[in-house]
PDB file of N, CA and C in Angstrom:
ATOM      1  N   UNK A   1      -5.502 -37.086   9.662  1.00  0.00           N
ATOM      2  CA  UNK A   1      -5.303 -37.609   8.691  1.00  0.00           C
ATOM      3  C   UNK A   1      -3.848 -37.384   8.498  1.00  0.00           C
ATOM      4  N   UNK A   2      -3.146 -37.617   7.480  1.00  0.00           N
ATOM      5  CA  UNK A   2      -1.470 -37.661   7.929  1.00  0.00           C
ATOM      6  C   UNK A   2      -1.298 -37.161   6.275  1.00  0.00           C
ATOM      7  N   UNK A   3      -0.066 -36.846   5.872  1.00  0.00           N
ATOM      8  CA  UNK A   3      -0.123 -35.291   4.915  1.00  0.00           C
ATOM      9  C   UNK A   3      -0.369 -36.915   3.441  1.00  0.00           C
ATOM     10  N   UNK A   4      -0.420 -37.909   3.412  1.00  0.00           N
ATOM     11  CA  UNK A   4      -0.684 -38.407   2.199  1.00  0.00           C
ATOM     12  C   UNK A   4      -1.979 -38.799   2.165  1.00  0.00           C
ATOM     13  N   UNK A   5      -3.046 -38.418   3.511  1.00  0.00           N
ATOM     14  CA  UNK A   5      -4.274 -39.036   3.164  1.00  0.00           C
ATOM     15  C   UNK A   5      -5.384 -37.704   3.516  1.00  0.00           C
ATOM     16  N   UNK A   6      -4.674 -36.823   2.659  1.00  0.00           N
ATOM     17  CA  UNK A   6      -5.052 -35.080   3.124  1.00  0.00           C
ATOM     18  C   UNK A   6      -6.021 -34.981   1.857  1.00  0.00           C
ATOM     19  N   UNK A   7      -6.906 -34.978   1.860  1.00  0.00           N
ATOM     20  CA  UNK A   7      -8.288 -34.109   0.960  1.00  0.00           C
ATOM     21  C   UNK A   7      -7.845 -33.410   0.239  1.00  0.00           C
ATOM     22  N   UNK A   8      -8.521 -33.844  -1.465  1.00  0.00           N
ATOM     23  CA  UNK A   8      -8.275 -33.435  -2.980  1.00  0.00           C
ATOM     24  C   UNK A   8      -9.461 -32.257  -3.286  1.00  0.00           C
ATOM     25  N   UNK A   9      -9.035 -31.326  -3.525  1.00  0.00           N
ATOM     26  CA  UNK A   9     -10.115 -30.343  -4.075  1.00  0.00           C
ATOM     27  C   UNK A   9      -9.766 -30.638  -5.489  1.00  0.00           C
ATOM     28  N   UNK A  10     -11.684 -30.165  -5.783  1.00  0.00           N
ATOM     29  CA  UNK A  10     -11.036 -29.801  -7.350  1.00  0.00           C
ATOM     30  C   UNK A  10     -11.255 -28.424  -8.061  1.00  0.00           C
ATOM     31  N   UNK A  11     -10.451 -28.393  -8.581  1.00  0.00           N
ATOM     32  CA  UNK A  11     -10.710 -26.641  -9.271  1.00  0.00           C
ATOM     33  C   UNK A  11     -11.638 -26.056  -9.506  1.00  0.00           C
ATOM     34  N   UNK A  12     -12.892 -25.716  -9.332  1.00  0.00           N
ATOM     35  CA  UNK A  12     -13.967 -25.701 -10.386  1.00  0.00           C
ATOM     36  C   UNK A  12     -13.969 -24.947 -11.670  1.00  0.00           C
ATOM     37  N   UNK A  13     -14.726 -25.347 -12.585  1.00  0.00           N
ATOM     38  CA  UNK A  13     -14.932 -24.337 -13.692  1.00  0.00           C
ATOM     39  C   UNK A  13     -15.687 -23.309 -14.115  1.00  0.00           C
ATOM     40  N   UNK A  14     -14.553 -22.404 -13.722  1.00  0.00           N
ATOM     41  CA  UNK A  14     -14.887 -21.016 -13.539  1.00  0.00           C
ATOM     42  C   UNK A  14     -16.091 -20.602 -14.926  1.00  0.00           C
ATOM     43  N   UNK A  15     -15.596 -20.922 -15.637  1.00  0.00           N
ATOM     44  CA  UNK A  15     -16.769 -20.735 -17.321  1.00  0.00           C
ATOM     45  C   UNK A  15     -18.381 -21.183 -16.863  1.00  0.00           C
ATOM     46  N   UNK A  16     -18.001 -22.844 -16.421  1.00  0.00           N
ATOM     47  CA  UNK A  16     -19.456 -23.340 -15.701  1.00  0.00           C
ATOM     48  C   UNK A  16     -20.454 -22.533 -15.287  1.00  0.00           C
ATOM     49  N   UNK A  17     -19.747 -21.765 -13.972  1.00  0.00           N
ATOM     50  CA  UNK A  17     -19.830 -20.501 -12.652  1.00  0.00           C
ATOM     51  C   UNK A  17     -20.521 -19.532 -13.943  1.00  0.00           C
ATOM     52  N   UNK A  18     -20.148 -19.417 -14.903  1.00  0.00           N
ATOM     53  CA  UNK A  18     -20.066 -18.265 -15.750  1.00  0.00           C
ATOM     54  C   UNK A  18     -19.412 -16.942 -15.294  1.00  0.00           C
ATOM     55  N   UNK A  19     -17.796 -17.150 -14.593  1.00  0.00           N
ATOM     56  CA  UNK A  19     -16.914 -15.968 -13.969  1.00  0.00           C
ATOM     57  C   UNK A  19     -16.096 -15.837 -15.410  1.00  0.00           C
ATOM     58  N   UNK A  20     -16.276 -15.134 -15.758  1.00  0.00           N
ATOM     59  CA  UNK A  20     -15.063 -14.398 -16.800  1.00  0.00           C
ATOM     60  C   UNK A  20     -13.784 -13.718 -16.243  1.00  0.00           C
ATOM     61  N   UNK A  21     -12.399 -14.634 -16.903  1.00  0.00           N
ATOM     62  CA  UNK A  21     -11.396 -14.471 -15.859  1.00  0.00           C
ATOM     63  C   UNK A  21     -10.443 -13.609 -16.512  1.00  0.00           C
ATOM     64  N   UNK A  22     -10.898 -12.933 -17.424  1.00  0.00           N
ATOM     65  CA  UNK A  22      -9.784 -11.598 -18.713  1.00  0.00           C
ATOM     66  C   UNK A  22      -9.975 -10.194 -18.012  1.00  0.00           C
ATOM     67  N   UNK A  23      -8.754  -9.381 -17.749  1.00  0.00           N
ATOM     68  CA  UNK A  23      -8.833  -8.486 -17.321  1.00  0.00           C
ATOM     69  C   UNK A  23      -9.841  -7.619 -17.570  1.00  0.00           C
ATOM     70  N   UNK A  24     -10.266  -6.795 -16.364  1.00  0.00           N
ATOM     71  CA  UNK A  24     -11.168  -6.208 -16.438  1.00  0.00           C
ATOM     72  C   UNK A  24     -10.727  -4.827 -15.971  1.00  0.00           C
ATOM     73  N   UNK A  25     -11.412  -3.805 -16.287  1.00  0.00           N
ATOM     74  CA  UNK A  25     -11.069  -2.015 -16.219  1.00  0.00           C
ATOM     75  C   UNK A  25     -10.985  -1.953 -14.742  1.00  0.00           C
ATOM     76  N   UNK A  26     -11.155  -1.345 -14.373  1.00  0.00           N
ATOM     77  CA  UNK A  26     -10.679  -0.809 -13.058  1.00  0.00           C
ATOM     78  C   UNK A  26     -10.270   1.079 -12.985  1.00  0.00           C
ATOM     79  N   UNK A  27     -11.403   1.482 -12.777  1.00  0.00           N
ATOM     80  CA  UNK A  27     -11.609   2.808 -12.641  1.00  0.00           C
ATOM     81  C   UNK A  27     -11.981   3.632 -11.197  1.00  0.00           C
ATOM     82  N   UNK A  28     -11.725   3.138 -10.158  1.00  0.00           N
ATOM     83  CA  UNK A  28     -12.519   4.053  -9.136  1.00  0.00           C
ATOM     84  C   UNK A  28     -12.097   5.487  -9.347  1.00  0.00           C
ATOM     85  N   UNK A  29     -13.663   6.040  -8.785  1.00  0.00           N
ATOM     86  CA  UNK A  29     -14.126   7.452  -8.850  1.00  0.00           C
ATOM     87  C   UNK A  29     -13.715   7.870  -6.806  1.00  0.00           C
ATOM     88  N   UNK A  30     -12.906   9.062  -6.996  1.00  0.00           N
ATOM     89  CA  UNK A  30     -12.797   9.734  -6.037  1.00  0.00           C
ATOM     90  C   UNK A  30     -13.227  11.214  -6.170  1.00  0.00           C
ATOM     91  N   UNK A  31     -14.042  11.437  -5.447  1.00  0.00           N
ATOM     92  CA  UNK A  31     -14.714  12.583  -4.884  1.00  0.00           C
ATOM     93  C   UNK A  31     -14.071  13.874  -5.151  1.00  0.00           C
ATOM     94  N   UNK A  32     -14.036  14.819  -5.557  1.00  0.00           N
ATOM     95  CA  UNK A  32     -13.405  15.778  -5.386  1.00  0.00           C
ATOM     96  C   UNK A  32     -13.448  16.535  -4.014  1.00  0.00           C
ATOM     97  N   UNK A  33     -13.898  16.313  -2.973  1.00  0.00           N
ATOM     98  CA  UNK A  33     -13.994  16.860  -1.931  1.00  0.00           C
ATOM     99  C   UNK A  33     -13.104  15.926  -0.948  1.00  0.00           C
ATOM    100  N   UNK A  34     -12.761  14.565  -1.672  1.00  0.00           N
ATOM    101  CA  UNK A  34     -11.717  13.162  -0.678  1.00  0.00           C
ATOM    102  C   UNK A  34     -10.705  14.080  -1.685  1.00  0.00           C
ATOM    103  N   UNK A  35     -10.572  14.166  -2.437  1.00  0.00           N
ATOM    104  CA  UNK A  35      -9.294  14.638  -2.946  1.00  0.00           C
ATOM    105  C   UNK A  35      -8.340  15.816  -2.731  1.00  0.00           C
ATOM    106  N   UNK A  36      -9.352  17.121  -2.534  1.00  0.00           N
ATOM    107  CA  UNK A  36      -8.628  17.993  -1.702  1.00  0.00           C
ATOM    108  C   UNK A  36      -8.677  17.994  -0.011  1.00  0.00           C
ATOM    109  N   UNK A  37      -9.300  17.263   0.469  1.00  0.00           N
ATOM    110  CA  UNK A  37     -10.013  17.537   1.885  1.00  0.00           C
ATOM    111  C   UNK A  37      -8.270  17.116   2.532  1.00  0.00           C
ATOM    112  N   UNK A  38      -7.717  16.582   2.173  1.00  0.00           N
ATOM    113  CA  UNK A  38      -6.018  16.524   2.885  1.00  0.00           C
ATOM    114  C   UNK A  38      -5.386  17.488   2.757  1.00  0.00           C
ATOM    115  N   UNK A  39      -5.527  18.332   1.374  1.00  0.00           N
ATOM    116  CA  UNK A  39      -4.158  19.361   1.443  1.00  0.00           C
ATOM    117  C   UNK A  39      -5.034  20.854   1.814  1.00  0.00           C
ATOM    118  N   UNK A  40      -6.311  20.527   1.975  1.00  0.00           N
ATOM    119  CA  UNK A  40      -7.299  21.555   2.940  1.00  0.00           C
ATOM    120  C   UNK A  40      -6.596  21.507   4.265  1.00  0.00           C
ATOM    121  N   UNK A  41      -6.217  20.586   4.595  1.00  0.00           N
ATOM    122  CA  UNK A  41      -6.161  20.456   6.246  1.00  0.00           C
ATOM    123  C   UNK A  41      -4.811  20.967   6.305  1.00  0.00           C
ATOM    124  N   UNK A  42      -4.165  20.235   5.389  1.00  0.00           N
ATOM    125  CA  UNK A  42      -2.700  20.778   5.478  1.00  0.00           C
ATOM    126  C   UNK A  42      -2.383  22.160   5.763  1.00  0.00           C
ATOM    127  N   UNK A  43      -3.213  23.294   4.811  1.00  0.00           N
ATOM    128  CA  UNK A  43      -3.403  24.326   5.124  1.00  0.00           C
ATOM    129  C   UNK A  43      -3.730  25.224   5.320  1.00  0.00           C
ATOM    130  N   UNK A  44      -4.742  24.380   6.723  1.00  0.00           N
ATOM    131  CA  UNK A  44      -4.947  25.658   7.901  1.00  0.00           C
ATOM    132  C   UNK A  44      -4.873  24.743   9.002  1.00  0.00           C
ATOM    133  N   UNK A  45      -4.370  23.847   9.428  1.00  0.00           N
ATOM    134  CA  UNK A  45      -3.931  22.915  10.494  1.00  0.00           C
ATOM    135  C   UNK A  45      -3.462  23.892  11.272  1.00  0.00           C
ATOM    136  N   UNK A  46      -2.260  24.099  11.425  1.00  0.00           N
ATOM    137  CA  UNK A  46      -1.648  25.501  12.167  1.00  0.00           C
ATOM    138  C   UNK A  46      -2.237  26.231  12.910  1.00  0.00           C
ATOM    139  N   UNK A  47      -3.093  27.182  11.975  1.00  0.00           N
ATOM    140  CA  UNK A  47      -3.549  28.197  12.059  1.00  0.00           C
ATOM    141  C   UNK A  47      -5.328  27.626  12.939  1.00  0.00           C
ATOM    142  N   UNK A  48      -5.552  26.559  12.782  1.00  0.00           N
ATOM    143  CA  UNK A  48      -6.279  25.959  13.614  1.00  0.00           C
ATOM    144  C   UNK A  48      -5.963  25.745  14.839  1.00  0.00           C
ATOM    145  N   UNK A  49      -4.581  25.098  15.205  1.00  0.00           N
ATOM    146  CA  UNK A  49      -4.239  24.496  16.132  1.00  0.00           C
ATOM    147  C   UNK A  49      -4.002  25.888  17.105  1.00  0.00           C
ATOM    148  N   UNK A  50      -3.471  27.081  16.306  1.00  0.00           N
ATOM    149  CA  UNK A  50      -3.188  28.095  17.156  1.00  0.00           C
ATOM    150  C   UNK A  50      -3.910  28.795  17.660  1.00  0.00           C
ATOM    151  N   UNK A  51      -5.160  28.326  17.469  1.00  0.00           N
ATOM    152  CA  UNK A  51      -6.516  29.118  18.557  1.00  0.00           C
ATOM    153  C   UNK A  51      -6.626  28.411  20.073  1.00  0.00           C
ATOM    154  N   UNK A  52      -6.327  29.267  21.072  1.00  0.00           N
ATOM    155  CA  UNK A  52      -6.483  28.813  21.887  1.00  0.00           C
ATOM    156  C   UNK A  52      -7.835  27.828  22.554  1.00  0.00           C
ATOM    157  N   UNK A  53      -7.112  26.241  22.844  1.00  0.00           N
ATOM    158  CA  UNK A  53      -8.714  25.806  23.328  1.00  0.00           C
ATOM    159  C   UNK A  53      -8.463  24.601  22.483  1.00  0.00           C
ATOM    160  N   UNK A  54      -7.984  24.629  21.257  1.00  0.00           N
ATOM    161  CA  UNK A  54      -8.235  23.888  20.160  1.00  0.00           C
ATOM    162  C   UNK A  54      -7.395  22.135  20.530  1.00  0.00           C
ATOM    163  N   UNK A  55      -7.505  21.214  20.429  1.00  0.00           N
ATOM    164  CA  UNK A  55      -6.741  20.310  21.146  1.00  0.00           C
ATOM    165  C   UNK A  55      -6.433  18.737  19.695  1.00  0.00           C
ATOM    166  N   UNK A  56      -7.232  19.511  18.800  1.00  0.00           N
ATOM    167  CA  UNK A  56      -7.046  18.734  17.548  1.00  0.00           C
ATOM    168  C   UNK A  56      -7.827  18.820  16.288  1.00  0.00           C
ATOM    169  N   UNK A  57      -6.905  18.516  15.246  1.00  0.00           N
ATOM    170  CA  UNK A  57      -7.731  18.906  13.897  1.00  0.00           C
ATOM    171  C   UNK A  57      -8.061  17.364  13.449  1.00  0.00           C
ATOM    172  N   UNK A  58      -8.919  16.670  12.778  1.00  0.00           N
ATOM    173  CA  UNK A  58      -9.212  15.682  12.224  1.00  0.00           C
ATOM    174  C   UNK A  58     -10.032  15.675  10.673  1.00  0.00           C
ATOM    175  N   UNK A  59     -10.290  14.367  10.523  1.00  0.00           N
ATOM    176  CA  UNK A  59     -11.708  14.210   9.519  1.00  0.00           C
ATOM    177  C   UNK A  59     -12.372  13.075   9.645  1.00  0.00           C
ATOM    178  N   UNK A  60     -13.363  13.049   9.299  1.00  0.00           N
ATOM    179  CA  UNK A  60     -14.854  12.354   9.846  1.00  0.00           C
ATOM    180  C   UNK A  60     -15.640  11.939   8.229  1.00  0.00           C
ATOM    181  N   UNK A  61     -15.694  10.595   7.988  1.00  0.00           N
ATOM    182  CA  UNK A  61     -16.488  10.643   7.372  1.00  0.00           C
ATOM    183  C   UNK A  61     -18.205  11.148   7.934  1.00  0.00           C
ATOM    184  N   UNK A  62     -19.017  11.110   7.593  1.00  0.00           N
ATOM    185  CA  UNK A  62     -20.293  12.024   7.967  1.00  0.00           C
ATOM    186  C   UNK A  62     -21.593  11.343   7.468  1.00  0.00           C
ATOM    187  N   UNK A  63     -20.961  10.377   6.302  1.00  0.00           N
ATOM    188  CA  UNK A  63     -22.437   9.556   5.718  1.00  0.00           C
ATOM    189  C   UNK A  63     -20.596   9.228   4.156  1.00  0.00           C
ATOM    190  N   UNK A  64     -21.386   7.977   3.545  1.00  0.00           N
ATOM    191  CA  UNK A  64     -20.727   7.946   2.382  1.00  0.00           C
ATOM    192  C   UNK A  64     -20.843   8.759   1.376  1.00  0.00           C
ATOM    193  N   UNK A  65     -19.132   8.916   0.902  1.00  0.00           N
ATOM    194  CA  UNK A  65     -19.312  10.161  -0.453  1.00  0.00           C
ATOM    195  C   UNK A  65     -19.247  11.273   0.522  1.00  0.00           C
ATOM    196  N   UNK A  66     -19.403  12.121   2.333  1.00  0.00           N
ATOM    197  CA  UNK A  66     -18.802  13.225   2.430  1.00  0.00           C
ATOM    198  C   UNK A  66     -18.425  12.787   3.169  1.00  0.00           C
ATOM    199  N   UNK A  67     -17.470  13.801   3.201  1.00  0.00           N
ATOM    200  CA  UNK A  67     -16.328  14.120   4.839  1.00  0.00           C
ATOM    201  C   UNK A  67     -16.587  15.683   5.851  1.00  0.00           C
ATOM    202  N   UNK A  68     -16.104  15.765   6.481  1.00  0.00           N
ATOM    203  CA  UNK A  68     -16.106  17.137   7.422  1.00  0.00           C
ATOM    204  C   UNK A  68     -14.710  17.147   8.178  1.00  0.00           C
ATOM    205  N   UNK A  69     -14.064  18.289   8.427  1.00  0.00           N
ATOM    206  CA  UNK A  69     -13.542  18.373   9.386  1.00  0.00           C
ATOM    207  C   UNK A  69     -13.946  18.667  10.483  1.00  0.00           C
ATOM    208  N   UNK A  70     -13.037  17.747  11.541  1.00  0.00           N
ATOM    209  CA  UNK A  70     -13.667  17.617  12.800  1.00  0.00           C
ATOM    210  C   UNK A  70     -12.519  18.097  13.857  1.00  0.00           C
ATOM    211  N   UNK A  71     -12.842  19.463  14.706  1.00  0.00           N
ATOM    212  CA  UNK A  71     -11.872  20.036  15.662  1.00  0.00           C
ATOM    213  C   UNK A  71     -12.113  19.859  16.959  1.00  0.00           C
ATOM    214  N   UNK A  72     -11.623  19.222  17.856  1.00  0.00           N
ATOM    215  CA  UNK A  72     -11.481  19.229  18.644  1.00  0.00           C
ATOM    216  C   UNK A  72     -10.821  20.428  19.896  1.00  0.00           C
ATOM    217  N   UNK A  73     -11.931  20.931  21.072  1.00  0.00           N
ATOM    218  CA  UNK A  73     -11.915  21.479  21.898  1.00  0.00           C
ATOM    219  C   UNK A  73     -12.118  21.622  23.173  1.00  0.00           C
ATOM    220  N   UNK A  74     -11.676  22.292  23.633  1.00  0.00           N
ATOM    221  CA  UNK A  74     -11.409  21.884  25.462  1.00  0.00           C
ATOM    222  C   UNK A  74     -12.900  21.779  26.111  1.00  0.00           C
ATOM    223  N   UNK A  75     -13.626  23.319  25.845  1.00  0.00           N
ATOM    224  CA  UNK A  75     -14.758  23.436  26.433  1.00  0.00           C
ATOM    225  C   UNK A  75     -15.624  24.351  25.091  1.00  0.00           C
ATOM    226  N   UNK A  76     -17.085  24.023  25.495  1.00  0.00           N
ATOM    227  CA  UNK A  76     -17.701  24.709  24.541  1.00  0.00           C
ATOM    228  C   UNK A  76     -17.398  26.033  24.131  1.00  0.00           C
ATOM    229  N   UNK A  77     -16.866  27.056  24.746  1.00  0.00           N
ATOM    230  CA  UNK A  77     -16.550  28.157  24.708  1.00  0.00           C
ATOM    231  C   UNK A  77     -15.536  28.904  23.740  1.00  0.00           C
ATOM    232  N   UNK A  78     -14.794  27.366  23.193  1.00  0.00           N
ATOM    233  CA  UNK A  78     -14.044  27.734  21.688  1.00  0.00           C
ATOM    234  C   UNK A  78     -14.911  27.253  20.808  1.00  0.00           C
ATOM    235  N   UNK A  79     -15.977  26.580  20.603  1.00  0.00           N
ATOM    236  CA  UNK A  79     -16.760  26.679  19.747  1.00  0.00           C
ATOM    237  C   UNK A  79     -17.126  27.824  18.368  1.00  0.00           C
ATOM    238  N   UNK A  80     -17.071  29.081  19.063  1.00  0.00           N
ATOM    239  CA  UNK A  80     -17.703  30.151  18.977  1.00  0.00           C
ATOM    240  C   UNK A  80     -16.356  30.508  18.172  1.00  0.00           C
ATOM    241  N   UNK A  81     -15.465  30.107  18.029  1.00  0.00           N
ATOM    242  CA  UNK A  81     -14.274  30.901  17.232  1.00  0.00           C
ATOM    243  C   UNK A  81     -14.261  29.561  16.587  1.00  0.00           C
ATOM    244  N   UNK A  82     -14.616  28.838  15.615  1.00  0.00           N
ATOM    245  CA  UNK A  82     -14.245  28.005  14.980  1.00  0.00           C
ATOM    246  C   UNK A  82     -15.350  28.349  13.369  1.00  0.00           C
ATOM    247  N   UNK A  83     -14.910  28.293  12.346  1.00  0.00           N
ATOM    248  CA  UNK A  83     -14.769  28.538  11.112  1.00  0.00           C
ATOM    249  C   UNK A  83     -16.036  27.202  11.359  1.00  0.00           C
ATOM    250  N   UNK A  84     -17.089  27.908  10.056  1.00  0.00           N
ATOM    251  CA  UNK A  84     -18.535  26.822   9.565  1.00  0.00           C
ATOM    252  C   UNK A  84     -17.597  26.512   8.522  1.00  0.00           C
ATOM    253  N   UNK A  85     -17.060  26.262   7.986  1.00  0.00           N
ATOM    254  CA  UNK A  85     -16.807  25.596   6.612  1.00  0.00           C
ATOM    255  C   UNK A  85     -14.825  26.078   6.444  1.00  0.00           C
ATOM    256  N   UNK A  86     -13.923  25.944   5.824  1.00  0.00           N
ATOM    257  CA  UNK A  86     -12.751  25.745   5.578  1.00  0.00           C
ATOM    258  C   UNK A  86     -13.208  25.484   3.766  1.00  0.00           C
ATOM    259  N   UNK A  87     -13.046  25.887   2.762  1.00  0.00           N
ATOM    260  CA  UNK A  87     -12.694  26.464   1.395  1.00  0.00           C
ATOM    261  C   UNK A  87     -14.594  25.700   0.941  1.00  0.00           C
ATOM    262  N   UNK A  88     -14.890  25.397   1.491  1.00  0.00           N
ATOM    263  CA  UNK A  88     -16.450  24.210   1.114  1.00  0.00           C
ATOM    264  C   UNK A  88     -16.761  23.064   1.665  1.00  0.00           C
ATOM    265  N   UNK A  89     -15.088  22.746   2.701  1.00  0.00           N
ATOM    266  CA  UNK A  89     -15.484  22.008   3.386  1.00  0.00           C
ATOM    267  C   UNK A  89     -16.257  22.338   4.697  1.00  0.00           C
ATOM    268  N   UNK A  90     -17.068  21.104   5.504  1.00  0.00           N
ATOM    269  CA  UNK A  90     -17.735  21.698   6.467  1.00  0.00           C
ATOM    270  C   UNK A  90     -16.492  21.469   7.693  1.00  0.00           C
ATOM    271  N   UNK A  91     -17.172  22.328   8.486  1.00  0.00           N
ATOM    272  CA  UNK A  91     -16.416  22.342   9.589  1.00  0.00           C
ATOM    273  C   UNK A  91     -17.063  21.574  11.111  1.00  0.00           C
ATOM    274  N   UNK A  92     -16.652  21.024  11.796  1.00  0.00           N
ATOM    275  CA  UNK A  92     -17.455  20.311  13.044  1.00  0.00           C
ATOM    276  C   UNK A  92     -17.033  20.156  14.026  1.00  0.00           C
ATOM    277  N   UNK A  93     -17.392  21.179  15.314  1.00  0.00           N
ATOM    278  CA  UNK A  93     -16.457  21.394  16.455  1.00  0.00           C
ATOM    279  C   UNK A  93     -17.090  20.400  17.565  1.00  0.00           C
ATOM    280  N   UNK A  94     -16.251  19.587  18.370  1.00  0.00           N
ATOM    281  CA  UNK A  94     -16.947  18.919  19.014  1.00  0.00           C
ATOM    282  C   UNK A  94     -15.648  18.881  20.428  1.00  0.00           C
ATOM    283  N   UNK A  95     -16.574  19.160  21.838  1.00  0.00           N
ATOM    284  CA  UNK A  95     -15.769  19.306  23.354  1.00  0.00           C
ATOM    285  C   UNK A  95     -15.269  17.826  23.233  1.00  0.00           C
ATOM    286  N   UNK A  96     -14.139  17.909  23.613  1.00  0.00           N
ATOM    287  CA  UNK A  96     -12.739  16.857  23.673  1.00  0.00           C
ATOM    288  C   UNK A  96     -12.423  16.747  25.167  1.00  0.00           C
ATOM    289  N   UNK A  97     -12.908  18.321  25.864  1.00  0.00           N
ATOM    290  CA  UNK A  97     -11.723  18.422  27.327  1.00  0.00           C
ATOM    291  C   UNK A  97     -10.060  18.232  26.808  1.00  0.00           C
ATOM    292  N   UNK A  98      -9.323  18.536  27.940  1.00  0.00           N
ATOM    293  CA  UNK A  98      -7.916  18.173  27.391  1.00  0.00           C
ATOM    294  C   UNK A  98      -7.292  16.962  27.249  1.00  0.00           C
ATOM    295  N   UNK A  99      -6.855  17.358  25.936  1.00  0.00           N
ATOM    296  CA  UNK A  99      -5.965  16.194  25.776  1.00  0.00           C
ATOM    297  C   UNK A  99      -4.394  15.731  26.012  1.00  0.00           C
ATOM    298  N   UNK A 100      -3.888  15.023  26.437  1.00  0.00           N
ATOM    299  CA  UNK A 100      -2.601  14.732  27.046  1.00  0.00           C
ATOM    300  C   UNK A 100      -1.837  13.502  25.818  1.00  0.00           C
ATOM    301  N   UNK A 101      -0.592  13.496  25.568  1.00  0.00           N
ATOM    302  CA  UNK A 101       0.100  13.213  24.796  1.00  0.00           C
ATOM    303  C   UNK A 101       0.601  12.258  25.642  1.00  0.00           C
ATOM    304  N   UNK A 102       0.397  10.848  25.513  1.00  0.00           N
ATOM    305  CA  UNK A 102       1.293  10.315  26.439  1.00  0.00           C
ATOM    306  C   UNK A 102       3.154   9.824  26.334  1.00  0.00           C
TER     307      UNK A 102
END
């Protein structure tokens, strides 16, 4: 097919399809825990990483709309040193083994 023979497409009539193209309100909701999770991490990250055997601090979605703080540790003996929650945000320890920067 050459440029002069390109297939022409007809734009559908959106009204016929029942689609309204007027401005729509958009108001996404943010849960309070999601809103404050970054600040909770910032406040506690240095202290958590100072615990011997802690290799990383992160966040993870555990179910839709609910996140937890993940703390990676070298071995299971370090898990007992971790808090159960930080400012109401659940904490989960995971044995990652040593993590080396590239």
